[in-house]
């Protein structure tokens, strides 16, 4: 079946692209002394062009976290008040 061969080729290209992305982002993280997680997040935000939504989401999370931990008394010893 030609469709199976075409899908196989697509999977091979996809694997190659994922390998490139992983290696490139690992190098950037190392070169800039950043966490791989942060560099990956920046690349995804850049791709989606949704930095405003990401920033707002972080603010919402920070406020929610602060509110919940204050009200339940489970704050970490190293937690900084917002």
N, C-alpha and C. Protein backbone atom coordinates (compact mmCIF):
# COMPACT_ATOMS: atom_id res chain seq x y z
N UNK A 1 0.83 -1.18 0.00
CA UNK A 1 0.00 0.00 0.00
C UNK A 1 0.87 1.25 0.00
N UNK A 2 0.62 2.14 -0.91
CA UNK A 2 1.43 3.36 -1.00
C UNK A 2 1.17 4.30 0.17
N UNK A 3 -0.03 4.28 0.71
CA UNK A 3 -0.35 5.16 1.84
C UNK A 3 0.51 4.79 3.05
N UNK A 4 0.69 3.51 3.29
CA UNK A 4 1.51 3.06 4.41
C UNK A 4 2.94 3.55 4.23
N UNK A 5 3.47 3.46 3.01
CA UNK A 5 4.83 3.94 2.74
C UNK A 5 4.93 5.45 2.94
N UNK A 6 3.92 6.19 2.52
CA UNK A 6 3.93 7.64 2.69
C UNK A 6 3.86 8.02 4.17
N UNK A 7 3.05 7.31 4.92
CA UNK A 7 2.96 7.57 6.36
C UNK A 7 4.27 7.22 7.03
N UNK A 8 4.89 6.13 6.61
CA UNK A 8 6.19 5.75 7.14
C UNK A 8 7.21 6.86 6.90
N UNK A 9 7.21 7.41 5.71
CA UNK A 9 8.11 8.51 5.40
C UNK A 9 7.83 9.73 6.27
N UNK A 10 6.56 10.01 6.49
CA UNK A 10 6.18 11.14 7.36
C UNK A 10 6.67 10.91 8.78
N UNK A 11 6.49 9.68 9.28
CA UNK A 11 6.98 9.36 10.63
C UNK A 11 8.49 9.53 10.72
N UNK A 12 9.21 9.12 9.68
CA UNK A 12 10.67 9.26 9.68
C UNK A 12 11.07 10.73 9.71
N UNK A 13 10.41 11.56 8.92
CA UNK A 13 10.71 12.99 8.93
C UNK A 13 10.38 13.60 10.28
N UNK A 14 9.27 13.20 10.84
CA UNK A 14 8.85 13.70 12.15
C UNK A 14 9.88 13.35 13.22
N UNK A 15 10.35 12.12 13.22
CA UNK A 15 11.38 11.71 14.18
C UNK A 15 12.63 12.55 14.02
N UNK A 16 13.01 12.80 12.78
CA UNK A 16 14.20 13.61 12.52
C UNK A 16 14.02 15.03 13.02
N UNK A 17 12.87 15.61 12.79
CA UNK A 17 12.60 16.97 13.26
C UNK A 17 12.60 17.03 14.79
N UNK A 18 12.00 16.05 15.43
CA UNK A 18 11.98 16.03 16.89
C UNK A 18 13.39 15.91 17.46
N UNK A 19 14.21 15.10 16.83
CA UNK A 19 15.60 14.96 17.27
C UNK A 19 16.33 16.29 17.12
N UNK A 20 16.14 16.95 15.98
CA UNK A 20 16.77 18.26 15.76
C UNK A 20 16.33 19.26 16.82
N UNK A 21 15.03 19.34 17.07
CA UNK A 21 14.50 20.29 18.05
C UNK A 21 15.09 20.01 19.43
N UNK A 22 15.10 18.77 19.83
CA UNK A 22 15.63 18.39 21.14
C UNK A 22 17.11 18.78 21.26
N UNK A 23 17.90 18.46 20.25
CA UNK A 23 19.32 18.77 20.30
C UNK A 23 19.58 20.27 20.24
N UNK A 24 18.83 20.99 19.41
CA UNK A 24 19.03 22.44 19.28
C UNK A 24 18.67 23.15 20.57
N UNK A 25 17.55 22.78 21.18
CA UNK A 25 17.13 23.44 22.42
C UNK A 25 18.04 23.07 23.58
N UNK A 26 18.55 21.87 23.59
CA UNK A 26 19.51 21.48 24.63
C UNK A 26 20.77 22.33 24.53
N UNK A 27 21.24 22.56 23.30
CA UNK A 27 22.44 23.38 23.09
C UNK A 27 22.18 24.82 23.54
N UNK A 28 21.04 25.38 23.17
CA UNK A 28 20.72 26.75 23.57
C UNK A 28 20.67 26.85 25.10
N UNK A 29 20.02 25.88 25.73
CA UNK A 29 19.92 25.89 27.20
C UNK A 29 21.31 25.87 27.82
N UNK A 30 22.18 25.04 27.30
CA UNK A 30 23.53 24.94 27.84
C UNK A 30 24.31 26.23 27.58
N UNK A 31 24.23 26.76 26.36
CA UNK A 31 24.97 27.97 26.00
C UNK A 31 24.54 29.18 26.83
N UNK A 32 23.25 29.26 27.14
CA UNK A 32 22.72 30.40 27.88
C UNK A 32 22.57 30.13 29.38
N UNK A 33 22.97 28.92 29.79
CA UNK A 33 22.86 28.52 31.19
C UNK A 33 21.43 28.66 31.71
N UNK A 34 20.49 28.14 30.92
CA UNK A 34 19.07 28.14 31.28
C UNK A 34 18.59 26.71 31.40
N UNK A 35 17.47 26.53 32.07
CA UNK A 35 16.91 25.19 32.15
C UNK A 35 16.34 24.80 30.79
N UNK A 36 16.45 23.54 30.47
CA UNK A 36 15.91 23.02 29.21
C UNK A 36 14.41 23.25 29.16
N UNK A 37 13.75 23.13 30.31
CA UNK A 37 12.31 23.33 30.39
C UNK A 37 11.94 24.76 29.97
N UNK A 38 12.70 25.75 30.44
CA UNK A 38 12.41 27.14 30.12
C UNK A 38 12.65 27.43 28.64
N UNK A 39 13.73 26.90 28.09
CA UNK A 39 14.03 27.13 26.68
C UNK A 39 12.95 26.47 25.82
N UNK A 40 12.51 25.29 26.19
CA UNK A 40 11.45 24.61 25.45
C UNK A 40 10.17 25.42 25.49
N UNK A 41 9.87 25.95 26.66
CA UNK A 41 8.65 26.77 26.80
C UNK A 41 8.74 28.02 25.93
N UNK A 42 9.91 28.67 25.93
CA UNK A 42 10.07 29.87 25.10
C UNK A 42 9.90 29.54 23.62
N UNK A 43 10.44 28.42 23.18
CA UNK A 43 10.32 28.03 21.78
C UNK A 43 8.85 27.77 21.41
N UNK A 44 8.12 27.12 22.30
CA UNK A 44 6.70 26.85 22.04
C UNK A 44 5.89 28.14 22.00
N UNK A 45 6.18 29.05 22.93
CA UNK A 45 5.47 30.33 22.96
C UNK A 45 5.78 31.12 21.69
N UNK A 46 7.03 31.12 21.29
CA UNK A 46 7.41 31.83 20.06
C UNK A 46 6.67 31.24 18.86
N UNK A 47 6.62 29.92 18.80
CA UNK A 47 5.94 29.26 17.68
C UNK A 47 4.45 29.60 17.65
N UNK A 48 3.82 29.56 18.81
CA UNK A 48 2.38 29.83 18.89
C UNK A 48 2.06 31.32 18.89
N UNK A 49 3.10 32.15 19.11
CA UNK A 49 2.93 33.61 19.18
C UNK A 49 1.88 33.98 20.23
N UNK A 50 1.98 33.38 21.42
CA UNK A 50 0.99 33.61 22.47
C UNK A 50 1.63 34.05 23.79
N UNK A 51 2.62 34.91 23.71
CA UNK A 51 3.32 35.33 24.92
C UNK A 51 2.37 36.06 25.88
N UNK A 52 1.45 36.85 25.37
CA UNK A 52 0.51 37.56 26.24
C UNK A 52 -0.31 36.58 27.06
N UNK A 53 -0.79 35.53 26.44
CA UNK A 53 -1.59 34.53 27.15
C UNK A 53 -0.75 33.79 28.18
N UNK A 54 0.51 33.49 27.85
CA UNK A 54 1.40 32.81 28.79
C UNK A 54 1.66 33.66 30.02
N UNK A 55 1.93 34.93 29.81
CA UNK A 55 2.21 35.84 30.92
C UNK A 55 0.97 35.95 31.81
N UNK A 56 -0.19 36.11 31.21
CA UNK A 56 -1.42 36.21 31.97
C UNK A 56 -1.69 34.93 32.75
N UNK A 57 -1.44 33.79 32.13
CA UNK A 57 -1.63 32.51 32.80
C UNK A 57 -0.72 32.39 34.02
N UNK A 58 0.53 32.83 33.88
CA UNK A 58 1.46 32.79 35.01
C UNK A 58 0.98 33.68 36.15
N UNK A 59 0.48 34.86 35.81
CA UNK A 59 -0.04 35.77 36.83
C UNK A 59 -1.22 35.14 37.56
N UNK A 60 -2.13 34.55 36.79
CA UNK A 60 -3.29 33.90 37.39
C UNK A 60 -2.86 32.76 38.31
N UNK A 61 -1.89 31.97 37.85
CA UNK A 61 -1.40 30.87 38.67
C UNK A 61 -0.78 31.38 39.96
N UNK A 62 0.05 32.42 39.86
CA UNK A 62 0.72 32.97 41.03
C UNK A 62 -0.30 33.47 42.06
N UNK A 63 -1.31 34.18 41.59
CA UNK A 63 -2.34 34.69 42.50
C UNK A 63 -3.11 33.53 43.13
N UNK A 64 -3.50 32.57 42.33
CA UNK A 64 -4.24 31.41 42.85
C UNK A 64 -3.40 30.64 43.86
N UNK A 65 -2.13 30.39 43.54
CA UNK A 65 -1.25 29.66 44.44
C UNK A 65 -1.11 30.39 45.77
N UNK A 66 -0.88 31.68 45.69
CA UNK A 66 -0.72 32.49 46.90
C UNK A 66 -2.00 32.45 47.74
N UNK A 67 -3.14 32.60 47.09
CA UNK A 67 -4.42 32.60 47.80
C UNK A 67 -4.67 31.26 48.48
N UNK A 68 -4.47 30.17 47.75
CA UNK A 68 -4.74 28.84 48.30
C UNK A 68 -3.78 28.50 49.44
N UNK A 69 -2.50 28.78 49.24
CA UNK A 69 -1.54 28.41 50.29
C UNK A 69 -1.71 29.26 51.54
N UNK A 70 -2.10 30.51 51.37
CA UNK A 70 -2.35 31.35 52.54
C UNK A 70 -3.57 30.86 53.30
N UNK A 71 -4.62 30.55 52.56
CA UNK A 71 -5.87 30.17 53.23
C UNK A 71 -5.80 28.79 53.88
N UNK A 72 -4.93 27.93 53.37
CA UNK A 72 -4.83 26.58 53.93
C UNK A 72 -3.66 26.44 54.89
N UNK A 73 -2.80 27.45 54.93
CA UNK A 73 -1.65 27.41 55.83
C UNK A 73 -0.58 26.43 55.41
N UNK A 74 -0.48 26.11 54.11
CA UNK A 74 0.51 25.13 53.64
C UNK A 74 1.66 25.78 52.89
N UNK A 75 1.96 27.03 53.18
CA UNK A 75 3.04 27.72 52.47
C UNK A 75 4.37 27.02 52.69
N UNK A 76 5.18 26.99 51.66
CA UNK A 76 6.54 26.47 51.75
C UNK A 76 7.38 27.44 52.56
N UNK A 77 8.37 26.94 53.22
CA UNK A 77 9.27 27.80 53.99
C UNK A 77 9.99 28.80 53.10
N UNK A 78 10.27 28.42 51.84
CA UNK A 78 11.00 29.31 50.94
C UNK A 78 10.09 30.15 50.05
N UNK A 79 8.78 30.06 50.27
CA UNK A 79 7.84 30.81 49.42
C UNK A 79 7.94 32.30 49.67
N UNK A 80 7.97 33.05 48.60
CA UNK A 80 8.00 34.49 48.68
C UNK A 80 6.58 35.02 48.50
N UNK A 81 6.13 35.93 49.34
CA UNK A 81 4.78 36.48 49.16
C UNK A 81 4.70 37.26 47.85
N UNK A 82 3.54 37.22 47.24
CA UNK A 82 3.36 37.93 45.97
C UNK A 82 2.90 39.34 46.20
